[in-house]
Amino acid sequence: MSRGRGRRDLDAIIVGAGHNGLVAACYLARAGLDVLVLERNDFIGGAAVSRKLYQDFTYSNCSYVCSLLRPEIMRTLELPKFGLQVIPYEGGCTMMQGGGHLAVYDNHDALRREISRHSKRDAEAYDRYSRDVMRQCKFIKPLLMREPPDPTSFKPRDLQELLYLGKRFHGLGEERMYDTLRFWTMSAADFLDEYFESEIVKAHFAGSSIIGTALGPRSPGTAYVLLHHYMGDIDDTVGAWGFARGGMGAISNALGASFQASGGAIRSGTPVAQILVENGRAAGVRLDGGEEIRAPLVISNLDVRRTFLKTMDAQDLPDEFLHRVKNFKIRGSSGKLNIALDGLPRFPAIPEGSPSTRGDMHVTDTLEMMERAYDDWKEGRWSRAPYIDMLIPSQIDPSMVPDGKHYMSVFVQYCPYELADGEWNAEKRQAFGDTVIDTIAQHSPNFKDLILHAEIRTPWDIENEVGLTEGNIFQGELTMDQLLFNRPVPGYAQYRSPVRGVYMCGSSTHPGGGVMGAPGANAARAVLRDLGKARSA
């Protein structure tokens, strides 16, 4: 499939039509550049896609919720004008083994009353917890849309950015500076222990610390991963999550439409085999079929390993750089099920009609269960009692399903990219899916009877369809050694590569993963600054 007209007098080529590639393309096209986006799949969006894989059911078959997408990007690129509508969650819950649940509501007072059912002390501590998490968000959020400084550089811009970062850090005050340094290196379990005593309360909040991450809740650094999921906002509500009407592909389709409205072109079904380098700088790309497309700028939306180890000639890159790229941690740990349902499942632990079912629902009610699930992953097998983040978007957006039917999205931790007992095959994939379905059925007696179709996706499947190395949804771990000016590798955290004219715009770059768009926008600004022309992003 091809979108827009083909052209050869190009200013820039974007490799990969994932959401960050599309964001970068939009900003460059709005600045007047002639931009072509190349996508290997027949559809755009990368992991942010909506697909009809069973009858008239629409699946968000990879990424599944919207929150992190930066509001300034939505405004600048006019995404609502191009059809994007985000509907906030109404609640959420964690179900307990043997019955009972913790409900979560968007109403602050209602949430406190719910927590007090499990612990009056925790209800009092919640305000302190929420305040401290939001304080960390307030410190970090302004950094998301800024190019990280190179701490070894004496360039004026790097010195200015280091000064900006230092002023923000110093402005926290002495006590908060200590808290921030501790927070960035703490485990989620240790962090939550400082506030709460109830196991289910801690388990519910700890879920955000392990999603998409090859770490357990007791692993150092997971407190930051928890925070990473709090940094979005919907309609100026910080930390809110929501559904994109029509599935996550609505985000990518709106970005594609915005890009084309600015004169850009997209060629899908067009795999790039190699980024071409001539005389030490970018010259264009060679496609799988041998066709060469020339451009002086190539911006890769692929992860850092796939970009430099598979799409470029090693002879064009410094050995030390390649060594660091090979050591960049991208580990697959997540699976995904998309399930078509003949009706709405019942969850006896939750009162009928509760808004807590119209958000994310979990079935792991202790930190110990999460840690044991992680232990299974470390031994090369999928978790026997997995952490599950399940949603039924069709309750909020019935356009995704036929009348009277429902769609369930199930995100799973943990599932290994490589199994200890051999390669993935159809039998093992089904066994993994059955484990997840059986786990949900323990909390919903009619769930299995309602299943019409289930798409089961392991990290291996995600890699082979979407191109994410090992199926890692963040294009690299969000640990302290891989953040800010260390992401993806020291010396190359400013979206530029060792080759002049070759840039990175994917989630392997600052500020990291999630459907955020910030890496794409930041990369576009770096390109425009390097052009030295009066073009603004």
Protein backbone atom coordinates (compact mmCIF):
# COMPACT_ATOMS: atom_id res chain seq x y z
CA MET A 1 0.00 0.00 0.00
CA SER A 2 1.24 3.47 -0.79
CA ARG A 3 0.12 6.77 0.65
CA GLY A 4 1.01 10.02 -1.07
CA ARG A 5 3.13 10.37 -4.18
CA GLY A 6 6.55 8.83 -4.63
CA ARG A 7 9.45 11.30 -5.02
CA ARG A 8 13.21 11.31 -5.31
CA ASP A 9 14.17 14.94 -4.63
CA LEU A 10 13.87 14.35 -0.90
CA ASP A 11 15.19 16.24 2.08
CA ALA A 12 14.66 13.40 4.56
CA ILE A 13 13.67 9.75 4.85
CA ILE A 14 12.06 8.35 7.98
CA VAL A 15 12.64 4.61 8.45
CA GLY A 16 9.61 3.13 10.20
CA ALA A 17 6.07 4.51 10.52
CA GLY A 18 5.74 3.92 14.23
CA HIS A 19 4.24 6.78 16.19
CA ASN A 20 7.62 8.44 16.92
CA GLY A 21 8.61 8.24 13.26
CA LEU A 22 5.31 9.83 12.28
CA VAL A 23 5.69 12.57 14.90
CA ALA A 24 9.19 13.40 13.61
CA ALA A 25 7.89 13.35 10.04
CA CYS A 26 5.05 15.74 10.92
CA TYR A 27 7.38 18.30 12.51
CA LEU A 28 9.86 18.15 9.62
CA ALA A 29 7.14 18.45 6.99
CA ARG A 30 5.57 21.41 8.81
CA ALA A 31 9.00 23.06 8.76
CA GLY A 32 9.02 22.79 4.96
CA LEU A 33 11.13 19.69 4.38
CA ASP A 34 10.29 17.18 1.69
CA VAL A 35 9.87 13.99 3.75
CA LEU A 36 9.18 10.36 2.85
CA VAL A 37 8.23 7.74 5.47
CA LEU A 38 9.03 4.12 4.67
CA GLU A 39 7.23 1.31 6.53
CA ARG A 40 7.84 -2.41 6.09
CA ASN A 41 4.29 -3.44 7.08
CA ASP A 42 1.20 -2.81 4.99
CA PHE A 43 -0.17 -0.60 7.77
CA ILE A 44 1.29 2.36 9.63
CA GLY A 45 1.66 2.77 13.38
CA GLY A 46 4.20 0.15 14.43
CA ALA A 47 2.91 -1.01 17.81
CA ALA A 48 0.16 1.64 17.94
CA VAL A 49 -2.27 -0.03 15.56
CA SER A 50 -5.91 -1.06 15.28
CA ARG A 51 -6.55 -4.21 13.26
CA LYS A 52 -9.51 -6.38 12.38
CA LEU A 53 -8.09 -9.88 12.89
CA TYR A 54 -11.38 -11.59 13.64
CA GLN A 55 -14.63 -10.74 11.84
CA ASP A 56 -15.76 -7.19 12.73
CA PHE A 57 -13.80 -6.94 15.99
CA THR A 58 -11.17 -4.20 16.12
CA TYR A 59 -8.14 -5.07 18.24
CA SER A 60 -5.53 -2.70 19.64
CA ASN A 61 -3.26 -5.63 19.13
CA CYS A 62 -0.01 -4.23 20.62
CA SER A 63 -0.13 -1.01 22.67
CA TYR A 64 -3.54 -0.64 24.21
CA VAL A 65 -3.95 2.54 26.31
CA CYS A 66 -3.34 6.25 25.83
CA SER A 67 -1.88 8.57 28.45
CA LEU A 68 1.75 9.36 27.77
CA LEU A 69 1.13 11.08 24.40
CA ARG A 70 2.34 14.62 25.02
CA PRO A 71 -0.50 17.18 24.92
CA GLU A 72 1.74 19.78 23.27
CA ILE A 73 2.28 17.35 20.38
CA MET A 74 -1.45 16.74 20.08
CA ARG A 75 -2.08 20.50 19.92
CA THR A 76 0.75 21.38 17.52
CA LEU A 77 -0.06 18.58 15.08
CA GLU A 78 -3.84 19.17 15.44
CA LEU A 79 -4.53 15.50 16.06
CA PRO A 80 -8.15 15.97 17.24
CA LYS A 81 -8.81 17.73 13.91
CA PHE A 82 -7.65 14.52 12.20
CA GLY A 83 -9.96 12.28 14.21
CA LEU A 84 -8.19 11.51 17.48
CA GLN A 85 -10.46 11.33 20.51
CA VAL A 86 -9.28 10.02 23.89
CA ILE A 87 -11.84 8.82 26.44
CA PRO A 88 -10.62 8.71 30.07
CA TYR A 89 -10.85 5.60 32.22
CA GLU A 90 -13.63 5.58 34.78
CA GLY A 91 -11.79 3.42 37.28
CA GLY A 92 -9.76 0.28 37.78
CA CYS A 93 -9.35 -2.57 40.26
CA THR A 94 -7.26 -5.43 41.57
CA MET A 95 -9.10 -8.65 42.42
CA MET A 96 -8.00 -10.76 45.37
CA GLN A 97 -7.40 -14.47 45.56
CA GLY A 98 -10.44 -16.05 47.22
CA GLY A 99 -12.70 -13.02 46.67
CA GLY A 100 -12.68 -9.33 47.45
CA HIS A 101 -11.11 -6.48 45.54
CA LEU A 102 -9.56 -3.03 45.67
CA ALA A 103 -11.37 -0.59 43.40
CA VAL A 104 -9.75 2.55 42.05
CA TYR A 105 -11.78 5.61 41.08
CA ASP A 106 -10.90 8.91 39.44
CA ASN A 107 -12.66 10.65 42.34
CA HIS A 108 -10.05 11.30 45.03
CA ASP A 109 -12.40 11.00 48.02
CA ALA A 110 -13.98 7.82 46.69
CA LEU A 111 -10.53 6.30 46.22
CA ARG A 112 -9.51 7.16 49.77
CA ARG A 113 -12.70 5.56 51.13
CA GLU A 114 -11.97 2.44 49.09
CA ILE A 115 -8.40 2.19 50.37
CA SER A 116 -9.66 2.63 53.95
CA ARG A 117 -11.67 -0.62 53.56
CA HIS A 118 -8.30 -2.39 53.49
CA SER A 119 -6.33 -0.08 55.76
CA LYS A 120 -7.29 3.21 57.40
CA ARG A 121 -3.59 3.95 57.80
CA ASP A 122 -3.05 3.48 54.06
CA ALA A 123 -5.96 5.79 53.26
CA GLU A 124 -4.21 8.50 55.25
CA ALA A 125 -0.88 7.69 53.60
CA TYR A 126 -2.33 7.88 50.09
CA ASP A 127 -2.32 11.68 50.03
CA ARG A 128 1.35 11.70 50.99
CA TYR A 129 2.14 9.05 48.36
CA SER A 130 0.24 10.90 45.64
CA ARG A 131 1.92 14.20 46.58
CA ASP A 132 5.41 12.70 46.47
CA VAL A 133 4.84 10.92 43.14
CA MET A 134 3.43 14.09 41.59
CA ARG A 135 6.42 16.03 42.94
CA GLN A 136 8.73 13.68 41.03
CA CYS A 137 6.53 14.07 37.94
CA LYS A 138 6.75 17.84 38.24
CA PHE A 139 10.55 17.61 38.32
CA ILE A 140 10.86 15.24 35.36
CA LYS A 141 8.07 16.29 32.97
CA PRO A 142 9.76 19.48 31.71
CA LEU A 143 12.76 17.33 30.73
CA LEU A 144 10.71 15.08 28.43
CA MET A 145 10.57 17.50 25.52
CA ARG A 146 14.16 18.74 25.87
CA GLU A 147 17.31 17.38 24.28
CA PRO A 148 19.44 15.86 27.06
CA PRO A 149 22.78 17.59 27.63
CA ASP A 150 26.13 15.94 27.03
CA PRO A 151 27.87 16.30 30.41
CA THR A 152 31.30 15.97 28.77
CA SER A 153 30.71 18.78 26.27
CA PHE A 154 31.63 22.45 26.59
CA LYS A 155 29.28 23.55 23.81
CA PRO A 156 27.12 26.50 24.91
CA ARG A 157 23.88 24.57 24.42
CA ASP A 158 25.08 21.64 26.54
CA LEU A 159 26.30 23.98 29.27
CA GLN A 160 22.95 25.78 29.22
CA GLU A 161 21.05 22.50 29.51
CA LEU A 162 23.29 21.29 32.34
CA LEU A 163 22.68 24.60 34.11
CA TYR A 164 18.93 24.22 33.57
CA LEU A 165 19.00 20.69 34.97
CA GLY A 166 21.13 21.79 37.92
CA LYS A 167 18.83 24.70 38.73
CA ARG A 168 15.77 22.44 38.67
CA PHE A 169 17.48 19.92 40.91
CA HIS A 170 18.78 22.55 43.33
CA GLY A 171 15.34 24.13 43.41
CA LEU A 172 13.95 21.00 45.04
CA GLY A 173 15.64 21.90 48.31
CA GLU A 174 18.06 19.74 50.28
CA GLU A 175 15.53 17.21 51.61
CA ARG A 176 13.81 16.70 48.25
CA MET A 177 17.17 16.38 46.48
CA TYR A 178 18.00 13.39 48.69
CA ASP A 179 14.51 11.95 48.09
CA THR A 180 14.90 12.30 44.32
CA LEU A 181 18.29 10.58 44.22
CA ARG A 182 16.91 7.72 46.31
CA PHE A 183 13.77 7.48 44.21
CA TRP A 184 15.58 7.06 40.90
CA THR A 185 17.48 4.03 42.21
CA MET A 186 14.90 2.42 44.52
CA SER A 187 12.80 -0.65 43.90
CA ALA A 188 9.05 -0.10 43.66
CA ALA A 189 8.57 -2.47 46.59
CA ASP A 190 10.84 -0.45 48.87
CA PHE A 191 9.24 2.80 47.75
CA LEU A 192 5.69 1.56 48.41
CA ASP A 193 6.71 0.06 51.76
CA GLU A 194 7.47 3.59 52.94
CA TYR A 195 3.78 4.50 52.56
CA PHE A 196 1.51 1.46 52.74
CA GLU A 197 0.96 -1.63 54.85
CA SER A 198 -1.81 -3.41 52.92
CA GLU A 199 -0.54 -5.99 50.45
CA ILE A 200 -3.30 -5.39 47.92
CA VAL A 201 -2.78 -1.63 47.98
CA LYS A 202 0.94 -2.09 47.36
CA ALA A 203 0.30 -4.68 44.65
CA HIS A 204 -2.11 -2.43 42.80
CA PHE A 205 0.28 0.50 42.64
CA ALA A 206 3.29 -1.72 41.93
CA GLY A 207 1.79 -2.96 38.67
CA SER A 208 2.98 0.14 36.81
CA SER A 209 6.55 -0.57 37.89
CA ILE A 210 6.87 -3.85 35.98
CA ILE A 211 4.78 -3.35 32.83
CA GLY A 212 7.02 -3.83 29.81
CA THR A 213 10.10 -4.27 31.98
CA ALA A 214 12.42 -7.24 32.50
CA LEU A 215 12.57 -6.46 36.21
CA GLY A 216 10.60 -7.50 39.28
CA PRO A 217 9.01 -5.16 41.85
CA ARG A 218 11.98 -5.69 44.17
CA SER A 219 14.54 -4.82 41.47
CA PRO A 220 16.38 -1.49 41.92
CA GLY A 221 15.14 1.12 39.46
CA THR A 222 11.52 0.00 39.25
CA ALA A 223 10.33 2.99 41.27
CA TYR A 224 11.23 5.14 38.24
CA VAL A 225 9.35 2.79 35.89
CA LEU A 226 6.30 3.28 38.13
CA LEU A 227 6.73 7.04 37.75
CA HIS A 228 7.18 6.78 33.97
CA HIS A 229 3.59 5.56 33.72
CA TYR A 230 2.33 8.52 35.77
CA MET A 231 3.78 11.19 33.50
CA GLY A 232 0.96 11.41 30.99
CA ASP A 233 -2.15 13.48 31.20
CA ILE A 234 -5.56 13.62 29.57
CA ASP A 235 -7.51 16.88 29.52
CA ASP A 236 -4.97 18.34 31.99
CA THR A 237 -5.50 15.47 34.47
CA VAL A 238 -1.98 14.32 35.36
CA GLY A 239 -1.56 10.55 35.55
CA ALA A 240 -4.88 9.85 33.81
CA TRP A 241 -5.24 7.01 31.32
CA GLY A 242 -7.72 6.60 28.52
CA PHE A 243 -8.87 4.77 25.41
CA ALA A 244 -8.29 6.14 21.91
CA ARG A 245 -11.69 5.83 20.18
CA GLY A 246 -11.28 3.20 17.48
CA GLY A 247 -8.23 1.70 19.17
CA MET A 248 -4.61 2.82 19.35
CA GLY A 249 -4.40 2.92 15.57
CA ALA A 250 -6.45 6.11 15.78
CA ILE A 251 -3.33 7.87 17.10
CA SER A 252 -1.19 6.66 14.21
CA ASN A 253 -3.87 7.38 11.63
CA ALA A 254 -4.28 10.94 12.95
CA LEU A 255 -0.51 11.42 12.80
CA GLY A 256 -0.43 10.03 9.25
CA ALA A 257 -3.23 12.35 8.17
CA SER A 258 -1.52 15.36 9.79
CA PHE A 259 1.73 14.47 8.02
CA GLN A 260 0.09 14.11 4.62
CA ALA A 261 -1.79 17.37 5.11
CA SER A 262 1.63 19.02 5.39
CA GLY A 263 2.73 17.51 2.08
CA GLY A 264 4.48 14.38 3.31
CA ALA A 265 4.37 10.95 1.69
CA ILE A 266 4.18 7.45 3.17
CA ARG A 267 5.14 4.22 1.43
CA SER A 268 3.98 1.17 3.37
CA GLY A 269 4.85 -2.41 2.48
CA THR A 270 8.38 -1.09 1.80
CA PRO A 271 11.08 -2.70 3.99
CA VAL A 272 14.42 -0.88 4.25
CA ALA A 273 17.41 -3.20 3.93
CA GLN A 274 20.22 -0.70 4.53
CA ILE A 275 20.90 2.92 5.37
CA LEU A 276 23.40 4.11 2.77
CA VAL A 277 26.52 6.04 3.73
CA GLU A 278 28.82 7.79 1.27
CA ASN A 279 31.91 9.81 2.20
CA GLY A 280 31.06 9.54 5.86
CA ARG A 281 27.51 10.87 5.70
CA ALA A 282 23.97 9.67 4.96
CA ALA A 283 23.09 9.20 1.31
CA GLY A 284 19.69 7.49 1.50
CA VAL A 285 18.42 3.92 1.82
CA ARG A 286 18.35 0.67 -0.11
CA LEU A 287 15.07 -1.26 -0.03
CA ASP A 288 14.74 -5.03 0.22
CA GLY A 289 14.09 -5.24 -3.51
CA GLY A 290 17.27 -3.34 -4.35
CA GLU A 291 15.75 0.06 -5.11
CA GLU A 292 17.76 3.00 -3.78
CA ILE A 293 16.13 6.21 -2.57
CA ARG A 294 18.44 9.14 -2.06
CA ALA A 295 18.25 11.77 0.68
CA PRO A 296 20.86 13.64 2.75
CA LEU A 297 18.98 12.93 6.00
CA VAL A 298 17.87 9.51 7.30
CA ILE A 299 15.99 9.35 10.61
CA SER A 300 15.49 5.87 12.05
CA ASN A 301 12.45 5.04 14.15
CA LEU A 302 13.84 1.53 14.69
CA ASP A 303 15.36 0.64 18.05
CA VAL A 304 19.05 1.33 18.48
CA ARG A 305 20.15 -2.27 17.99
CA ARG A 306 18.07 -2.80 14.87
CA THR A 307 19.23 0.53 13.45
CA PHE A 308 22.98 0.11 13.84
CA LEU A 309 23.50 -3.67 14.01
CA LYS A 310 21.07 -4.73 11.28
CA THR A 311 20.36 -1.74 9.03
CA MET A 312 23.83 -0.19 8.73
CA ASP A 313 27.22 -1.49 7.59
CA ALA A 314 29.49 -1.97 10.61
CA GLN A 315 32.36 -0.45 8.60
CA ASP A 316 30.53 2.89 8.66
CA LEU A 317 30.47 3.00 12.48
CA PRO A 318 33.15 3.27 15.21
CA ASP A 319 33.96 0.01 17.01
CA GLU A 320 33.45 1.52 20.48
CA PHE A 321 30.00 2.78 19.48
CA LEU A 322 29.01 -0.66 18.16
CA HIS A 323 30.25 -2.25 21.37
CA ARG A 324 28.03 0.03 23.46
CA VAL A 325 25.03 -0.59 21.19
CA LYS A 326 25.45 -4.36 21.60
CA ASN A 327 25.41 -3.89 25.39
CA PHE A 328 22.23 -1.78 25.40
CA LYS A 329 19.65 -3.81 27.34
CA ILE A 330 16.58 -4.70 25.29
CA ARG A 331 14.97 -7.75 26.89
CA GLY A 332 11.60 -9.23 26.00
CA SER A 333 9.32 -9.84 28.97
CA SER A 334 5.75 -9.12 27.87
CA GLY A 335 2.99 -11.01 26.13
CA LYS A 336 -0.36 -9.85 24.81
CA LEU A 337 -3.75 -11.47 24.24
CA ASN A 338 -6.61 -9.93 22.28
CA ILE A 339 -9.89 -11.71 22.94
CA ALA A 340 -13.24 -11.42 21.16
CA LEU A 341 -16.13 -12.08 23.56
CA ASP A 342 -19.75 -13.05 22.98
CA GLY A 343 -20.83 -10.89 25.92
CA LEU A 344 -19.59 -9.16 29.04
CA PRO A 345 -17.70 -11.34 31.57
CA ARG A 346 -18.89 -11.40 35.17
CA PHE A 347 -16.44 -10.78 37.99
CA PRO A 348 -18.19 -11.79 41.23
CA ALA A 349 -15.64 -9.98 43.40
CA ILE A 350 -16.68 -6.64 41.88
CA PRO A 351 -20.16 -5.14 42.46
CA GLU A 352 -22.24 -5.23 39.28
CA GLY A 353 -22.17 -1.92 37.43
CA SER A 354 -19.06 -0.67 39.24
CA PRO A 355 -17.03 1.82 37.18
CA SER A 356 -13.92 -0.04 38.33
CA THR A 357 -14.47 -2.54 35.50
CA ARG A 358 -14.24 0.29 32.94
CA GLY A 359 -10.51 0.67 33.42
CA ASP A 360 -7.59 -1.68 33.96
CA MET A 361 -8.26 -4.81 36.01
CA HIS A 362 -5.58 -6.93 37.68
CA VAL A 363 -5.54 -10.31 39.40
CA THR A 364 -2.18 -10.18 41.20
CA ASP A 365 -2.82 -9.08 44.78
CA THR A 366 0.60 -9.29 46.47
CA LEU A 367 4.14 -8.18 45.68
CA GLU A 368 5.26 -11.73 46.41
CA MET A 369 3.10 -13.05 43.54
CA MET A 370 4.69 -10.51 41.20
CA GLU A 371 8.17 -11.47 42.29
CA ARG A 372 7.45 -15.18 41.84
CA ALA A 373 6.11 -14.43 38.36
CA TYR A 374 9.40 -12.66 37.61
CA ASP A 375 11.35 -15.66 38.92
CA ASP A 376 9.67 -17.82 36.28
CA TRP A 377 10.80 -15.42 33.55
CA LYS A 378 14.39 -15.53 34.81
CA GLU A 379 14.29 -19.31 34.43
CA GLY A 380 13.16 -19.06 30.82
CA ARG A 381 9.46 -19.86 31.16
CA TRP A 382 6.27 -17.86 31.16
CA SER A 383 4.84 -17.04 34.56
CA ARG A 384 2.67 -19.76 36.01
CA ALA A 385 0.67 -17.11 37.89
CA PRO A 386 1.19 -14.08 35.63
CA TYR A 387 0.61 -10.41 36.33
CA ILE A 388 -2.29 -9.39 34.11
CA ASP A 389 -3.43 -5.94 33.02
CA MET A 390 -6.77 -6.49 31.30
CA LEU A 391 -9.25 -4.02 29.87
CA ILE A 392 -12.58 -4.20 28.10
CA PRO A 393 -12.45 -1.09 25.88
CA SER A 394 -15.75 -1.96 24.18
CA GLN A 395 -17.59 -0.87 27.34
CA ILE A 396 -16.45 2.68 26.58
CA ASP A 397 -16.05 2.44 22.80
CA PRO A 398 -18.68 0.11 21.32
CA SER A 399 -17.53 1.02 17.80
CA MET A 400 -14.78 -1.61 18.18
CA VAL A 401 -17.16 -4.59 18.22
CA PRO A 402 -20.44 -5.86 16.73
CA ASP A 403 -23.62 -5.13 18.70
CA GLY A 404 -23.81 -7.09 21.95
CA LYS A 405 -20.20 -8.28 21.76
CA HIS A 406 -17.10 -7.21 23.67
CA TYR A 407 -13.33 -7.04 23.23
CA MET A 408 -10.77 -7.71 25.96
CA SER A 409 -7.15 -6.59 25.80
CA VAL A 410 -4.79 -8.54 28.09
CA PHE A 411 -1.22 -7.44 28.74
CA VAL A 412 0.92 -10.07 30.48
CA GLN A 413 4.07 -10.10 32.61
CA TYR A 414 6.09 -12.21 32.29
CA CYS A 415 6.74 -13.99 29.04
CA PRO A 416 10.30 -14.70 27.82
CA TYR A 417 11.61 -14.03 24.33
CA GLU A 418 13.66 -17.23 24.48
CA LEU A 419 12.38 -20.33 26.27
CA ALA A 420 14.64 -22.53 28.35
CA ASP A 421 13.19 -25.64 26.71
CA GLY A 422 13.51 -24.64 23.07
CA GLU A 423 11.98 -22.30 20.52
CA TRP A 424 8.46 -20.93 20.47
CA ASN A 425 6.01 -22.94 18.40
CA ALA A 426 2.22 -23.11 18.02
CA GLU A 427 1.83 -25.58 20.87
CA LYS A 428 3.86 -23.53 23.36
CA ARG A 429 2.17 -20.31 22.29
CA GLN A 430 -1.22 -21.88 22.95
CA ALA A 431 -0.04 -23.19 26.32
CA PHE A 432 1.04 -19.68 27.28
CA GLY A 433 -2.34 -18.32 26.21
CA ASP A 434 -4.17 -21.04 28.13
CA THR A 435 -2.24 -20.10 31.29
CA VAL A 436 -3.44 -16.50 30.95
CA ILE A 437 -7.02 -17.48 30.15
CA ASP A 438 -7.14 -19.94 33.06
CA THR A 439 -5.84 -17.21 35.39
CA ILE A 440 -8.62 -14.82 34.33
CA ALA A 441 -11.22 -17.60 34.57
CA GLN A 442 -10.38 -18.04 38.26
CA HIS A 443 -12.02 -14.65 38.78
CA SER A 444 -14.75 -14.86 36.11
CA PRO A 445 -16.89 -18.03 35.98
CA ASN A 446 -18.42 -17.30 32.56
CA PHE A 447 -15.28 -15.98 30.89
CA LYS A 448 -14.22 -19.10 28.95
CA ASP A 449 -17.73 -19.69 27.64
CA LEU A 450 -17.75 -16.21 26.06
CA ILE A 451 -14.50 -16.54 24.10
CA LEU A 452 -15.03 -16.40 20.32
CA HIS A 453 -11.41 -15.81 19.31
CA ALA A 454 -8.09 -15.20 21.03
CA GLU A 455 -4.98 -13.77 19.41
CA ILE A 456 -1.94 -14.84 21.46
CA ARG A 457 1.29 -12.90 21.04
CA THR A 458 4.66 -13.66 22.66
CA PRO A 459 7.70 -11.34 22.58
CA TRP A 460 8.90 -13.38 19.60
CA ASP A 461 5.66 -12.64 17.75
CA ILE A 462 5.80 -8.93 18.61
CA GLU A 463 9.37 -8.70 17.32
CA ASN A 464 8.55 -10.41 14.05
CA GLU A 465 5.43 -8.38 13.34
CA VAL A 466 6.32 -4.94 14.67
CA GLY A 467 10.12 -5.01 14.55
CA LEU A 468 10.69 -4.33 18.25
CA THR A 469 13.84 -6.21 19.31
CA GLU A 470 12.76 -9.08 21.61
CA GLY A 471 9.29 -7.50 21.67
CA ASN A 472 10.46 -4.91 24.21
CA ILE A 473 7.75 -2.23 24.21
CA PHE A 474 10.10 0.51 25.45
CA GLN A 475 12.87 -0.21 22.88
CA GLY A 476 15.18 -0.68 25.86
CA GLU A 477 15.05 -0.94 29.64
CA LEU A 478 14.16 2.21 31.59
CA THR A 479 16.93 1.79 34.16
CA MET A 480 19.14 4.55 35.50
CA ASP A 481 22.08 3.47 33.32
CA GLN A 482 19.88 3.89 30.23
CA LEU A 483 18.16 7.21 30.93
CA LEU A 484 18.73 10.86 30.04
CA PHE A 485 22.25 11.39 28.62
CA ASN A 486 22.93 7.63 28.78
CA ARG A 487 20.07 6.76 26.42
CA PRO A 488 20.84 4.94 24.22
CA VAL A 489 24.60 5.23 24.82
CA PRO A 490 26.81 7.94 26.33
CA GLY A 491 27.91 10.51 23.79
CA TYR A 492 25.00 9.79 21.44
CA ALA A 493 21.95 10.73 23.51
CA GLN A 494 21.06 13.75 21.38
CA TYR A 495 19.33 11.86 18.54
CA ARG A 496 22.45 12.06 16.35
CA SER A 497 24.60 9.09 15.35
CA PRO A 498 28.32 8.82 14.55
CA VAL A 499 27.40 9.24 10.88
CA ARG A 500 26.51 12.75 9.78
CA GLY A 501 22.93 12.95 8.56
CA VAL A 502 21.80 9.74 10.33
CA TYR A 503 19.50 10.36 13.30
CA MET A 504 17.48 8.30 15.79
CA CYS A 505 13.89 9.14 16.77
CA GLY A 506 12.60 5.95 18.40
CA SER A 507 11.96 5.04 22.03
CA SER A 508 15.57 3.90 22.46
CA THR A 509 16.30 7.62 22.78
CA HIS A 510 15.36 10.09 25.54
CA PRO A 511 12.89 10.08 27.25
CA GLY A 512 12.07 6.44 26.49
CA GLY A 513 9.11 4.26 25.66
CA GLY A 514 5.36 4.36 25.68
CA VAL A 515 3.13 6.07 23.12
CA MET A 516 4.57 9.46 24.06
CA GLY A 517 5.85 11.05 20.85
CA ALA A 518 8.54 13.02 22.69
CA PRO A 519 11.52 11.19 21.10
CA GLY A 520 10.13 11.93 17.64
CA ALA A 521 9.51 15.61 18.37
CA ASN A 522 12.91 16.06 20.04
CA ALA A 523 14.70 14.35 17.15
CA ALA A 524 12.95 16.59 14.62
CA ARG A 525 14.09 19.67 16.51
CA ALA A 526 17.68 18.35 16.53
CA VAL A 527 17.52 17.89 12.74
CA LEU A 528 16.18 21.38 12.19
CA ARG A 529 18.81 22.96 14.42
CA ASP A 530 21.54 21.16 12.51
CA LEU A 531 20.17 22.45 9.23
CA GLY A 532 20.79 25.96 10.51
CA LYS A 533 17.78 27.33 8.72
CA ALA A 534 14.90 29.45 10.00
CA ARG A 535 12.65 26.47 10.44
CA SER A 536 11.01 25.70 13.78
CA ALA A 537 9.47 22.52 15.15
